[in-house]
Amino acid sequence: MIVAVDAAGGDYAPHEIVKGAVKAVHEYEVEVVLVGRKDVLHVLAGKHLRKPGLHIVDASQTIESHESPIKAIRSKPDSSIVVGLNLVKEGKAAAFVSAGNTGAVLAASLLNLGKIEGVERPAIVCMLAMTTSTPVLLLDVGANVDCRPHHLVQFARMGVVFSKKLHGIIEPRVGLLSNGTEESKGTKLVQETYALLKKADGINFVGSVEGHDVLKVVADVVVTDGFTGNIVIKTIEGMSDTFMRSMIQLGSIVSNVAHFRGRDLLRDLGMGSLASQIDYQEHGGAYLLGVNGNVIIAHGRSQSKTIKNAIGIARHMGQQEIARAIKEAMNE
């Protein structure tokens, strides 16, 4: 199992990317190909290159976060994103992980890997795990700002496959994000999608789901358009960051008398599991579904822990052949 990793993408690249890759090789027994400037990566990886499991593929160019995705991938064919995705396309890697320019990863995936037949719009799916050991899948969270009803039905089908293969749920419940549970509530898009999902074969549709119910796990898969999903996921992320900072500050105050740190305090209060569930570093990143390959989009602020976990999920996606499973489901 080989996972290609964009060593030039993200706020903390390449140092944290290399550290995360080294940890993943040891912890998950996976082979990692670091894609980036060979001279720099040789210095950073150092002695680890002498051990099996870690490799380097040269990519002389980097797509920065501020660059236009389409222009960048066309003008930088030797960028770490393009080269890394080509490894997947050529069958030399089972998956690709990047914390770089999300738009560029999405565009390059579409151009280099292509869409799965039957999928008009690939979607980005994010796992939400705040109250349960089995995460809720939310999609789309940013790939498609404007959607049509049948696009959301396709999202639901891909989400069902992902939930079955990755989480082992036999018949995932599918919910439609809306501002009320009644069939008549929501925008025109929501109402028309509701009608399609209600009669769709192979989808266990449980109706509309309100925002406050998403994390209560009333559905295993929640579908929405990319504009709404992106706002939801960033709101949850902001809440999580605020909570963690508050706990760390409280831990600093308590440490004067009890030698606590923020996470130590949460652990001793019996909230260590909650801290892990709301920390985006624990979940690795989001997953691009609908293209001919396994692609993981990590957070731009990813450090070594996040990259390690993203590689772990990429390995699991490769083992479960998620892209192939979606292709088979869409053909059916």
C-alpha atoms as a PDB file:
ATOM      1  CA  MET A   1       0.000   0.000   0.000  1.00  0.00           C
ATOM      2  CA  ILE A   2       1.644   3.212  -1.207  1.00  0.00           C
ATOM      3  CA  VAL A   3       0.333   6.689  -0.353  1.00  0.00           C
ATOM      4  CA  ALA A   4       1.614   9.769  -2.192  1.00  0.00           C
ATOM      5  CA  VAL A   5       1.858  12.903  -0.037  1.00  0.00           C
ATOM      6  CA  ASP A   6       2.168  16.505  -1.194  1.00  0.00           C
ATOM      7  CA  ALA A   7       5.227  17.615   0.775  1.00  0.00           C
ATOM      8  CA  ALA A   8       4.982  21.223  -0.469  1.00  0.00           C
ATOM      9  CA  GLY A   9       1.347  21.964   0.418  1.00  0.00           C
ATOM     10  CA  GLY A  10       0.096  23.616   3.610  1.00  0.00           C
ATOM     11  CA  ASP A  11       1.109  26.306   6.063  1.00  0.00           C
ATOM     12  CA  TYR A  12       3.734  24.128   7.745  1.00  0.00           C
ATOM     13  CA  ALA A  13       5.209  22.395   4.704  1.00  0.00           C
ATOM     14  CA  PRO A  14       7.583  20.760   4.216  1.00  0.00           C
ATOM     15  CA  HIS A  15       8.832  20.199   7.782  1.00  0.00           C
ATOM     16  CA  GLU A  16       5.568  19.047   9.403  1.00  0.00           C
ATOM     17  CA  ILE A  17       4.601  17.026   6.342  1.00  0.00           C
ATOM     18  CA  VAL A  18       7.837  15.050   6.538  1.00  0.00           C
ATOM     19  CA  LYS A  19       7.417  14.491  10.289  1.00  0.00           C
ATOM     20  CA  GLY A  20       3.867  13.240   9.780  1.00  0.00           C
ATOM     21  CA  ALA A  21       4.962  10.916   6.982  1.00  0.00           C
ATOM     22  CA  VAL A  22       7.709   9.411   9.129  1.00  0.00           C
ATOM     23  CA  LYS A  23       5.218   8.784  11.950  1.00  0.00           C
ATOM     24  CA  ALA A  24       2.730   7.194   9.546  1.00  0.00           C
ATOM     25  CA  VAL A  25       5.345   4.813   8.116  1.00  0.00           C
ATOM     26  CA  HIS A  26       6.133   3.522  11.608  1.00  0.00           C
ATOM     27  CA  GLU A  27       2.578   3.460  12.964  1.00  0.00           C
ATOM     28  CA  TYR A  28       0.568   2.210   9.986  1.00  0.00           C
ATOM     29  CA  GLU A  29       3.196   0.101   8.190  1.00  0.00           C
ATOM     30  CA  VAL A  30       2.445   1.971   5.000  1.00  0.00           C
ATOM     31  CA  GLU A  31       4.793   3.113   2.264  1.00  0.00           C
ATOM     32  CA  VAL A  32       4.808   6.889   1.761  1.00  0.00           C
ATOM     33  CA  VAL A  33       6.068   8.772  -1.263  1.00  0.00           C
ATOM     34  CA  LEU A  34       6.903  12.387  -0.439  1.00  0.00           C
ATOM     35  CA  VAL A  35       6.360  14.593  -3.489  1.00  0.00           C
ATOM     36  CA  GLY A  36       8.304  17.843  -3.578  1.00  0.00           C
ATOM     37  CA  ARG A  37      11.744  19.330  -4.083  1.00  0.00           C
ATOM     38  CA  LYS A  38      14.124  16.413  -3.869  1.00  0.00           C
ATOM     39  CA  ASP A  39      17.061  18.385  -2.500  1.00  0.00           C
ATOM     40  CA  VAL A  40      15.016  19.839   0.367  1.00  0.00           C
ATOM     41  CA  LEU A  41      13.284  16.568   1.246  1.00  0.00           C
ATOM     42  CA  HIS A  42      16.569  14.646   1.325  1.00  0.00           C
ATOM     43  CA  VAL A  43      17.837  17.052   3.976  1.00  0.00           C
ATOM     44  CA  LEU A  44      14.628  16.927   6.057  1.00  0.00           C
ATOM     45  CA  ALA A  45      14.017  13.171   5.800  1.00  0.00           C
ATOM     46  CA  GLY A  46      17.684  12.409   6.456  1.00  0.00           C
ATOM     47  CA  LYS A  47      18.304   9.085   8.145  1.00  0.00           C
ATOM     48  CA  HIS A  48      14.707   7.940   7.681  1.00  0.00           C
ATOM     49  CA  LEU A  49      15.342   7.374   3.974  1.00  0.00           C
ATOM     50  CA  ARG A  50      17.673   4.528   4.852  1.00  0.00           C
ATOM     51  CA  LYS A  51      14.751   2.601   6.323  1.00  0.00           C
ATOM     52  CA  PRO A  52      12.074   0.921   4.201  1.00  0.00           C
ATOM     53  CA  GLY A  53       8.765   2.691   3.682  1.00  0.00           C
ATOM     54  CA  LEU A  54       9.755   6.275   2.875  1.00  0.00           C
ATOM     55  CA  HIS A  55      10.524   7.493  -0.638  1.00  0.00           C
ATOM     56  CA  ILE A  56      10.895  10.778  -2.517  1.00  0.00           C
ATOM     57  CA  VAL A  57       9.596  11.798  -5.947  1.00  0.00           C
ATOM     58  CA  ASP A  58      10.928  15.077  -7.267  1.00  0.00           C
ATOM     59  CA  ALA A  59       8.548  17.938  -8.087  1.00  0.00           C
ATOM     60  CA  SER A  60      10.278  21.228  -8.761  1.00  0.00           C
ATOM     61  CA  GLN A  61       7.197  23.483  -8.603  1.00  0.00           C
ATOM     62  CA  THR A  62       4.764  24.485  -5.857  1.00  0.00           C
ATOM     63  CA  ILE A  63       1.209  25.795  -6.208  1.00  0.00           C
ATOM     64  CA  GLU A  64       0.695  28.470  -3.561  1.00  0.00           C
ATOM     65  CA  SER A  65      -2.566  28.942  -1.671  1.00  0.00           C
ATOM     66  CA  HIS A  66      -3.346  32.292  -3.347  1.00  0.00           C
ATOM     67  CA  GLU A  67      -2.934  31.060  -6.927  1.00  0.00           C
ATOM     68  CA  SER A  68      -5.800  30.489  -9.356  1.00  0.00           C
ATOM     69  CA  PRO A  69      -6.272  26.686  -9.450  1.00  0.00           C
ATOM     70  CA  ILE A  70      -6.764  26.195 -13.193  1.00  0.00           C
ATOM     71  CA  LYS A  71      -3.993  28.595 -14.208  1.00  0.00           C
ATOM     72  CA  ALA A  72      -1.633  27.093 -11.660  1.00  0.00           C
ATOM     73  CA  ILE A  73      -2.025  23.457 -12.659  1.00  0.00           C
ATOM     74  CA  ARG A  74      -1.634  24.348 -16.349  1.00  0.00           C
ATOM     75  CA  SER A  75       1.412  26.565 -15.824  1.00  0.00           C
ATOM     76  CA  LYS A  76       3.027  24.252 -13.260  1.00  0.00           C
ATOM     77  CA  PRO A  77       2.922  20.701 -14.641  1.00  0.00           C
ATOM     78  CA  ASP A  78       5.788  19.728 -12.328  1.00  0.00           C
ATOM     79  CA  SER A  79       4.026  20.897  -9.171  1.00  0.00           C
ATOM     80  CA  SER A  80       3.748  18.558  -6.194  1.00  0.00           C
ATOM     81  CA  ILE A  81      -0.045  18.365  -6.618  1.00  0.00           C
ATOM     82  CA  VAL A  82       0.025  17.420 -10.301  1.00  0.00           C
ATOM     83  CA  VAL A  83       2.921  14.982  -9.902  1.00  0.00           C
ATOM     84  CA  GLY A  84       1.325  13.354  -6.846  1.00  0.00           C
ATOM     85  CA  LEU A  85      -2.026  12.851  -8.573  1.00  0.00           C
ATOM     86  CA  ASN A  86      -0.259  11.420 -11.606  1.00  0.00           C
ATOM     87  CA  LEU A  87       1.206   8.725  -9.357  1.00  0.00           C
ATOM     88  CA  VAL A  88      -2.369   7.713  -8.506  1.00  0.00           C
ATOM     89  CA  LYS A  89      -3.412   7.878 -12.151  1.00  0.00           C
ATOM     90  CA  GLU A  90      -0.498   5.638 -13.178  1.00  0.00           C
ATOM     91  CA  GLY A  91      -1.265   3.120 -10.432  1.00  0.00           C
ATOM     92  CA  LYS A  92       1.968   3.829  -8.579  1.00  0.00           C
ATOM     93  CA  ALA A  93       0.084   5.059  -5.483  1.00  0.00           C
ATOM     94  CA  ALA A  94      -3.226   3.967  -3.983  1.00  0.00           C
ATOM     95  CA  ALA A  95      -4.095   7.427  -2.675  1.00  0.00           C
ATOM     96  CA  PHE A  96      -2.957  11.049  -2.575  1.00  0.00           C
ATOM     97  CA  VAL A  97      -2.874  13.390   0.434  1.00  0.00           C
ATOM     98  CA  SER A  98      -2.477  17.164   0.224  1.00  0.00           C
ATOM     99  CA  ALA A  99      -2.806  20.080   2.616  1.00  0.00           C
ATOM    100  CA  GLY A 100      -2.195  22.507  -0.240  1.00  0.00           C
ATOM    101  CA  ASN A 101      -4.448  24.648  -2.423  1.00  0.00           C
ATOM    102  CA  THR A 102      -7.853  22.914  -2.213  1.00  0.00           C
ATOM    103  CA  GLY A 103      -9.060  24.348  -5.501  1.00  0.00           C
ATOM    104  CA  ALA A 104      -5.939  23.125  -7.252  1.00  0.00           C
ATOM    105  CA  VAL A 105      -6.294  19.627  -5.772  1.00  0.00           C
ATOM    106  CA  LEU A 106      -9.922  19.528  -6.920  1.00  0.00           C
ATOM    107  CA  ALA A 107      -9.163  20.849 -10.415  1.00  0.00           C
ATOM    108  CA  ALA A 108      -6.136  18.605 -10.916  1.00  0.00           C
ATOM    109  CA  SER A 109      -8.113  15.575  -9.713  1.00  0.00           C
ATOM    110  CA  LEU A 110     -10.827  16.289 -12.275  1.00  0.00           C
ATOM    111  CA  LEU A 111      -8.357  16.867 -15.111  1.00  0.00           C
ATOM    112  CA  ASN A 112      -5.841  14.121 -14.310  1.00  0.00           C
ATOM    113  CA  LEU A 113      -7.994  11.394 -12.770  1.00  0.00           C
ATOM    114  CA  GLY A 114     -11.330  12.203 -14.365  1.00  0.00           C
ATOM    115  CA  LYS A 115     -14.842  11.779 -12.982  1.00  0.00           C
ATOM    116  CA  ILE A 116     -16.383   8.410 -12.287  1.00  0.00           C
ATOM    117  CA  GLU A 117     -19.010   7.570 -14.893  1.00  0.00           C
ATOM    118  CA  GLY A 118     -22.412   8.563 -13.553  1.00  0.00           C
ATOM    119  CA  VAL A 119     -21.030  11.315 -11.312  1.00  0.00           C
ATOM    120  CA  GLU A 120     -21.628  14.814 -12.643  1.00  0.00           C
ATOM    121  CA  ARG A 121     -20.174  16.636  -9.650  1.00  0.00           C
ATOM    122  CA  PRO A 122     -17.512  15.150  -7.347  1.00  0.00           C
ATOM    123  CA  ALA A 123     -18.098  16.107  -3.715  1.00  0.00           C
ATOM    124  CA  ILE A 124     -15.945  16.723  -0.670  1.00  0.00           C
ATOM    125  CA  VAL A 125     -17.075  14.726   2.348  1.00  0.00           C
ATOM    126  CA  CYS A 126     -16.110  15.534   5.929  1.00  0.00           C
ATOM    127  CA  MET A 127     -16.459  13.321   8.982  1.00  0.00           C
ATOM    128  CA  LEU A 128     -18.100  14.886  12.031  1.00  0.00           C
ATOM    129  CA  ALA A 129     -17.403  12.951  15.235  1.00  0.00           C
ATOM    130  CA  MET A 130     -18.458  14.864  18.330  1.00  0.00           C
ATOM    131  CA  THR A 131     -20.870  12.544  20.126  1.00  0.00           C
ATOM    132  CA  THR A 132     -20.355   9.070  18.713  1.00  0.00           C
ATOM    133  CA  SER A 133     -17.712   6.552  17.764  1.00  0.00           C
ATOM    134  CA  THR A 134     -19.242   6.381  14.279  1.00  0.00           C
ATOM    135  CA  PRO A 135     -18.869   9.767  12.568  1.00  0.00           C
ATOM    136  CA  VAL A 136     -21.573  11.543  10.621  1.00  0.00           C
ATOM    137  CA  LEU A 137     -20.652  12.177   7.000  1.00  0.00           C
ATOM    138  CA  LEU A 138     -21.446  15.641   5.655  1.00  0.00           C
ATOM    139  CA  LEU A 139     -21.224  16.336   1.926  1.00  0.00           C
ATOM    140  CA  ASP A 140     -20.698  18.453  -0.050  1.00  0.00           C
ATOM    141  CA  VAL A 141     -18.532  20.797   2.052  1.00  0.00           C
ATOM    142  CA  GLY A 142     -17.079  22.985  -0.656  1.00  0.00           C
ATOM    143  CA  ALA A 143     -16.581  21.469  -4.083  1.00  0.00           C
ATOM    144  CA  ASN A 144     -19.893  22.692  -5.558  1.00  0.00           C
ATOM    145  CA  VAL A 145     -21.368  26.059  -4.597  1.00  0.00           C
ATOM    146  CA  ASP A 146     -24.371  25.691  -6.912  1.00  0.00           C
ATOM    147  CA  CYS A 147     -26.119  22.338  -7.165  1.00  0.00           C
ATOM    148  CA  ARG A 148     -29.171  20.798  -8.754  1.00  0.00           C
ATOM    149  CA  PRO A 149     -31.414  18.252  -6.998  1.00  0.00           C
ATOM    150  CA  HIS A 150     -29.993  15.234  -8.845  1.00  0.00           C
ATOM    151  CA  HIS A 151     -26.467  16.266  -7.810  1.00  0.00           C
ATOM    152  CA  LEU A 152     -27.465  15.922  -4.153  1.00  0.00           C
ATOM    153  CA  VAL A 153     -28.913  12.480  -4.890  1.00  0.00           C
ATOM    154  CA  GLN A 154     -25.541  11.502  -6.364  1.00  0.00           C
ATOM    155  CA  PHE A 155     -23.850  12.861  -3.220  1.00  0.00           C
ATOM    156  CA  ALA A 156     -26.147  10.661  -1.158  1.00  0.00           C
ATOM    157  CA  ARG A 157     -25.247   7.552  -3.175  1.00  0.00           C
ATOM    158  CA  MET A 158     -21.524   8.221  -2.805  1.00  0.00           C
ATOM    159  CA  GLY A 159     -21.929   8.931   0.909  1.00  0.00           C
ATOM    160  CA  VAL A 160     -23.766   5.639   1.399  1.00  0.00           C
ATOM    161  CA  VAL A 161     -20.931   3.692  -0.259  1.00  0.00           C
ATOM    162  CA  PHE A 162     -18.321   5.552   1.799  1.00  0.00           C
ATOM    163  CA  SER A 163     -20.216   4.884   5.042  1.00  0.00           C
ATOM    164  CA  LYS A 164     -20.653   1.198   4.259  1.00  0.00           C
ATOM    165  CA  LYS A 165     -17.059   0.581   3.248  1.00  0.00           C
ATOM    166  CA  LEU A 166     -15.234   2.781   5.748  1.00  0.00           C
ATOM    167  CA  HIS A 167     -17.518   2.521   8.801  1.00  0.00           C
ATOM    168  CA  GLY A 168     -19.191  -0.834   8.230  1.00  0.00           C
ATOM    169  CA  ILE A 169     -22.762   0.482   8.443  1.00  0.00           C
ATOM    170  CA  ILE A 170     -25.038  -1.954   6.629  1.00  0.00           C
ATOM    171  CA  GLU A 171     -27.812   0.496   5.741  1.00  0.00           C
ATOM    172  CA  PRO A 172     -26.680   4.092   6.357  1.00  0.00           C
ATOM    173  CA  ARG A 173     -29.422   6.600   7.118  1.00  0.00           C
ATOM    174  CA  VAL A 174     -29.427   9.562   4.746  1.00  0.00           C
ATOM    175  CA  GLY A 175     -30.690  12.987   5.813  1.00  0.00           C
ATOM    176  CA  LEU A 176     -31.154  16.201   3.836  1.00  0.00           C
ATOM    177  CA  LEU A 177     -29.970  19.387   5.557  1.00  0.00           C
ATOM    178  CA  SER A 178     -32.817  21.889   5.836  1.00  0.00           C
ATOM    179  CA  ASN A 179     -34.320  24.548   8.110  1.00  0.00           C
ATOM    180  CA  GLY A 180     -37.079  22.221   9.264  1.00  0.00           C
ATOM    181  CA  THR A 181     -38.039  18.556   9.213  1.00  0.00           C
ATOM    182  CA  GLU A 182     -41.252  19.073   7.241  1.00  0.00           C
ATOM    183  CA  GLU A 183     -41.218  18.127   3.564  1.00  0.00           C
ATOM    184  CA  SER A 184     -42.487  21.599   2.652  1.00  0.00           C
ATOM    185  CA  LYS A 185     -39.603  23.400   4.381  1.00  0.00           C
ATOM    186  CA  GLY A 186     -36.399  24.604   2.759  1.00  0.00           C
ATOM    187  CA  THR A 187     -35.329  26.231  -0.473  1.00  0.00           C
ATOM    188  CA  LYS A 188     -36.528  25.096  -3.886  1.00  0.00           C
ATOM    189  CA  LEU A 189     -33.363  22.981  -4.134  1.00  0.00           C
ATOM    190  CA  VAL A 190     -34.116  21.257  -0.812  1.00  0.00           C
ATOM    191  CA  GLN A 191     -37.777  20.609  -1.634  1.00  0.00           C
ATOM    192  CA  GLU A 192     -37.029  19.146  -5.051  1.00  0.00           C
ATOM    193  CA  THR A 193     -34.184  17.051  -3.651  1.00  0.00           C
ATOM    194  CA  TYR A 194     -36.474  15.755  -0.910  1.00  0.00           C
ATOM    195  CA  ALA A 195     -38.911  14.471  -3.543  1.00  0.00           C
ATOM    196  CA  LEU A 196     -36.117  12.667  -5.408  1.00  0.00           C
ATOM    197  CA  LEU A 197     -34.533  11.124  -2.303  1.00  0.00           C
ATOM    198  CA  LYS A 198     -37.895   9.897  -1.043  1.00  0.00           C
ATOM    199  CA  LYS A 199     -38.321   7.635  -4.066  1.00  0.00           C
ATOM    200  CA  ALA A 200     -34.646   6.823  -4.754  1.00  0.00           C
ATOM    201  CA  ASP A 201     -33.771   3.113  -4.756  1.00  0.00           C
ATOM    202  CA  GLY A 202     -30.933   1.989  -2.523  1.00  0.00           C
ATOM    203  CA  ILE A 203     -31.064   5.072  -0.273  1.00  0.00           C
ATOM    204  CA  ASN A 204     -32.400   4.797   3.266  1.00  0.00           C
ATOM    205  CA  PHE A 205     -33.789   8.347   3.356  1.00  0.00           C
ATOM    206  CA  VAL A 206     -34.919   9.489   6.821  1.00  0.00           C
ATOM    207  CA  GLY A 207     -36.081  12.963   5.788  1.00  0.00           C
ATOM    208  CA  SER A 208     -34.833  16.466   6.432  1.00  0.00           C
ATOM    209  CA  VAL A 209     -32.333  17.169   9.182  1.00  0.00           C
ATOM    210  CA  GLU A 210     -31.957  20.525  10.923  1.00  0.00           C
ATOM    211  CA  GLY A 211     -28.610  22.040  11.806  1.00  0.00           C
ATOM    212  CA  HIS A 212     -28.887  21.251  15.506  1.00  0.00           C
ATOM    213  CA  ASP A 213     -29.591  17.588  14.730  1.00  0.00           C
ATOM    214  CA  VAL A 214     -26.556  16.942  12.533  1.00  0.00           C
ATOM    215  CA  LEU A 215     -24.289  16.160  15.478  1.00  0.00           C
ATOM    216  CA  LYS A 216     -27.001  14.169  17.266  1.00  0.00           C
ATOM    217  CA  VAL A 217     -26.534  11.429  14.686  1.00  0.00           C
ATOM    218  CA  VAL A 218     -30.123  11.232  13.484  1.00  0.00           C
ATOM    219  CA  ALA A 219     -28.571  10.368  10.108  1.00  0.00           C
ATOM    220  CA  ASP A 220     -25.289   8.720   9.146  1.00  0.00           C
ATOM    221  CA  VAL A 221     -24.985  10.709   5.910  1.00  0.00           C
ATOM    222  CA  VAL A 222     -26.154  14.309   5.582  1.00  0.00           C
ATOM    223  CA  VAL A 223     -26.271  15.893   2.128  1.00  0.00           C
ATOM    224  CA  THR A 224     -26.338  19.544   1.151  1.00  0.00           C
ATOM    225  CA  ASP A 225     -24.876  21.923  -1.420  1.00  0.00           C
ATOM    226  CA  GLY A 226     -21.219  22.906  -1.121  1.00  0.00           C
ATOM    227  CA  PHE A 227     -21.948  26.499  -0.085  1.00  0.00           C
ATOM    228  CA  THR A 228     -24.086  25.486   2.885  1.00  0.00           C
ATOM    229  CA  GLY A 229     -21.872  22.549   3.818  1.00  0.00           C
ATOM    230  CA  ASN A 230     -18.761  24.707   3.863  1.00  0.00           C
ATOM    231  CA  ILE A 231     -20.378  27.191   6.230  1.00  0.00           C
ATOM    232  CA  VAL A 232     -21.529  24.371   8.516  1.00  0.00           C
ATOM    233  CA  ILE A 233     -18.119  22.728   8.706  1.00  0.00           C
ATOM    234  CA  LYS A 234     -16.278  25.999   9.316  1.00  0.00           C
ATOM    235  CA  THR A 235     -18.761  26.984  12.033  1.00  0.00           C
ATOM    236  CA  ILE A 236     -18.149  23.668  13.795  1.00  0.00           C
ATOM    237  CA  GLU A 237     -14.398  24.077  13.338  1.00  0.00           C
ATOM    238  CA  GLY A 238     -14.520  27.578  14.839  1.00  0.00           C
ATOM    239  CA  MET A 239     -16.551  26.332  17.797  1.00  0.00           C
ATOM    240  CA  SER A 240     -14.067  23.500  18.348  1.00  0.00           C
ATOM    241  CA  ASP A 241     -11.076  25.856  18.214  1.00  0.00           C
ATOM    242  CA  THR A 242     -12.734  28.210  20.701  1.00  0.00           C
ATOM    243  CA  PHE A 243     -13.541  25.352  23.060  1.00  0.00           C
ATOM    244  CA  MET A 244     -10.010  23.970  22.932  1.00  0.00           C
ATOM    245  CA  ARG A 245      -8.456  27.405  23.516  1.00  0.00           C
ATOM    246  CA  SER A 246     -10.754  27.957  26.498  1.00  0.00           C
ATOM    247  CA  MET A 247      -9.731  24.635  28.023  1.00  0.00           C
ATOM    248  CA  ILE A 248      -6.046  25.386  27.468  1.00  0.00           C
ATOM    249  CA  GLN A 249      -6.464  28.795  29.118  1.00  0.00           C
ATOM    250  CA  LEU A 250      -8.323  27.220  32.007  1.00  0.00           C
ATOM    251  CA  GLY A 251      -5.610  24.596  32.290  1.00  0.00           C
ATOM    252  CA  SER A 252      -2.975  27.340  32.460  1.00  0.00           C
ATOM    253  CA  ILE A 253      -4.816  28.970  35.356  1.00  0.00           C
ATOM    254  CA  VAL A 254      -5.287  25.705  37.218  1.00  0.00           C
ATOM    255  CA  SER A 255      -1.665  24.703  36.588  1.00  0.00           C
ATOM    256  CA  ASN A 256      -0.561  27.285  39.143  1.00  0.00           C
ATOM    257  CA  VAL A 257      -1.958  25.081  41.881  1.00  0.00           C
ATOM    258  CA  ALA A 258      -2.401  21.638  40.353  1.00  0.00           C
ATOM    259  CA  HIS A 259       0.141  21.335  37.518  1.00  0.00           C
ATOM    260  CA  PHE A 260      -2.539  20.783  34.869  1.00  0.00           C
ATOM    261  CA  ARG A 261      -2.319  21.496  31.176  1.00  0.00           C
ATOM    262  CA  GLY A 262      -5.370  22.033  28.971  1.00  0.00           C
ATOM    263  CA  ARG A 263      -5.644  18.458  27.678  1.00  0.00           C
ATOM    264  CA  ASP A 264      -4.670  17.013  31.072  1.00  0.00           C
ATOM    265  CA  LEU A 265      -7.548  18.912  32.613  1.00  0.00           C
ATOM    266  CA  LEU A 266      -9.980  17.574  30.015  1.00  0.00           C
ATOM    267  CA  ARG A 267      -8.732  14.042  30.596  1.00  0.00           C
ATOM    268  CA  ASP A 268      -9.114  14.248  34.365  1.00  0.00           C
ATOM    269  CA  LEU A 269     -12.594  15.722  33.962  1.00  0.00           C
ATOM    270  CA  GLY A 270     -13.516  12.725  31.827  1.00  0.00           C
ATOM    271  CA  MET A 271     -13.622  14.809  28.652  1.00  0.00           C
ATOM    272  CA  GLY A 272     -10.517  13.520  26.913  1.00  0.00           C
ATOM    273  CA  SER A 273     -12.601  11.618  24.351  1.00  0.00           C
ATOM    274  CA  LEU A 274     -14.595  14.749  23.552  1.00  0.00           C
ATOM    275  CA  ALA A 275     -11.377  16.694  23.036  1.00  0.00           C
ATOM    276  CA  SER A 276     -10.223  14.126  20.490  1.00  0.00           C
ATOM    277  CA  GLN A 277     -13.566  14.079  18.703  1.00  0.00           C
ATOM    278  CA  ILE A 278     -13.722  17.837  18.139  1.00  0.00           C
ATOM    279  CA  ASP A 279     -10.046  18.265  17.252  1.00  0.00           C
ATOM    280  CA  TYR A 280      -9.664  18.384  13.445  1.00  0.00           C
ATOM    281  CA  GLN A 281      -6.087  17.143  13.807  1.00  0.00           C
ATOM    282  CA  GLU A 282      -7.488  13.752  14.845  1.00  0.00           C
ATOM    283  CA  HIS A 283      -9.456  13.232  11.639  1.00  0.00           C
ATOM    284  CA  GLY A 284      -6.837  13.909   8.980  1.00  0.00           C
ATOM    285  CA  GLY A 285      -8.948  15.794   6.492  1.00  0.00           C
ATOM    286  CA  ALA A 286     -11.804  15.638   4.021  1.00  0.00           C
ATOM    287  CA  TYR A 287     -12.234  13.194   1.168  1.00  0.00           C
ATOM    288  CA  LEU A 288     -12.910  13.860  -2.479  1.00  0.00           C
ATOM    289  CA  LEU A 289     -15.501  11.428  -3.794  1.00  0.00           C
ATOM    290  CA  GLY A 290     -16.470  10.948  -7.413  1.00  0.00           C
ATOM    291  CA  VAL A 291     -13.072  10.915  -9.143  1.00  0.00           C
ATOM    292  CA  ASN A 292     -11.117   7.885 -10.356  1.00  0.00           C
ATOM    293  CA  GLY A 293      -8.774   7.732  -7.393  1.00  0.00           C
ATOM    294  CA  ASN A 294      -8.574   8.134  -3.628  1.00  0.00           C
ATOM    295  CA  VAL A 295      -7.856  11.762  -2.721  1.00  0.00           C
ATOM    296  CA  ILE A 296      -7.653  13.262   0.788  1.00  0.00           C
ATOM    297  CA  ILE A 297      -7.668  17.018   1.283  1.00  0.00           C
ATOM    298  CA  ALA A 298      -6.050  17.890   4.610  1.00  0.00           C
ATOM    299  CA  HIS A 299      -6.500  21.178   6.458  1.00  0.00           C
ATOM    300  CA  GLY A 300      -4.175  23.969   5.354  1.00  0.00           C
ATOM    301  CA  ARG A 301      -2.982  24.294   8.949  1.00  0.00           C
ATOM    302  CA  SER A 302      -2.126  20.610   9.178  1.00  0.00           C
ATOM    303  CA  GLN A 303       0.844  19.685  11.309  1.00  0.00           C
ATOM    304  CA  SER A 304       2.519  16.303  11.694  1.00  0.00           C
ATOM    305  CA  LYS A 305      -0.293  14.679  13.703  1.00  0.00           C
ATOM    306  CA  THR A 306      -2.916  15.619  11.120  1.00  0.00           C
ATOM    307  CA  ILE A 307      -0.780  14.446   8.216  1.00  0.00           C
ATOM    308  CA  LYS A 308      -0.091  11.148   9.961  1.00  0.00           C
ATOM    309  CA  ASN A 309      -3.825  10.577  10.489  1.00  0.00           C
ATOM    310  CA  ALA A 310      -4.619  11.638   6.912  1.00  0.00           C
ATOM    311  CA  ILE A 311      -2.156   9.033   5.627  1.00  0.00           C
ATOM    312  CA  GLY A 312      -3.797   6.442   7.878  1.00  0.00           C
ATOM    313  CA  ILE A 313      -7.210   7.205   6.382  1.00  0.00           C
ATOM    314  CA  ALA A 314      -5.720   7.219   2.874  1.00  0.00           C
ATOM    315  CA  ARG A 315      -4.310   3.758   3.524  1.00  0.00           C
ATOM    316  CA  HIS A 316      -7.727   2.562   4.689  1.00  0.00           C
ATOM    317  CA  MET A 317      -9.424   4.091   1.640  1.00  0.00           C
ATOM    318  CA  GLY A 318      -6.952   2.327  -0.597  1.00  0.00           C
ATOM    319  CA  GLN A 319      -7.489  -1.003   1.139  1.00  0.00           C
ATOM    320  CA  GLN A 320     -11.265  -0.665   0.844  1.00  0.00           C
ATOM    321  CA  GLU A 321     -10.965   0.544  -2.761  1.00  0.00           C
ATOM    322  CA  ILE A 322     -13.427   3.348  -2.135  1.00  0.00           C
ATOM    323  CA  ALA A 323     -13.146   4.852  -5.616  1.00  0.00           C
ATOM    324  CA  ARG A 324     -13.795   1.481  -7.246  1.00  0.00           C
ATOM    325  CA  ALA A 325     -16.751   0.805  -4.922  1.00  0.00           C
ATOM    326  CA  ILE A 326     -18.324   4.145  -5.836  1.00  0.00           C
ATOM    327  CA  LYS A 327     -17.769   3.419  -9.514  1.00  0.00           C
ATOM    328  CA  GLU A 328     -19.550   0.073  -9.200  1.00  0.00           C
ATOM    329  CA  ALA A 329     -22.428   1.624  -7.240  1.00  0.00           C
ATOM    330  CA  MET A 330     -22.930   4.413  -9.770  1.00  0.00           C
ATOM    331  CA  ASN A 331     -22.893   1.917 -12.639  1.00  0.00           C
ATOM    332  CA  GLU A 332     -25.606  -0.090 -10.913  1.00  0.00           C
END
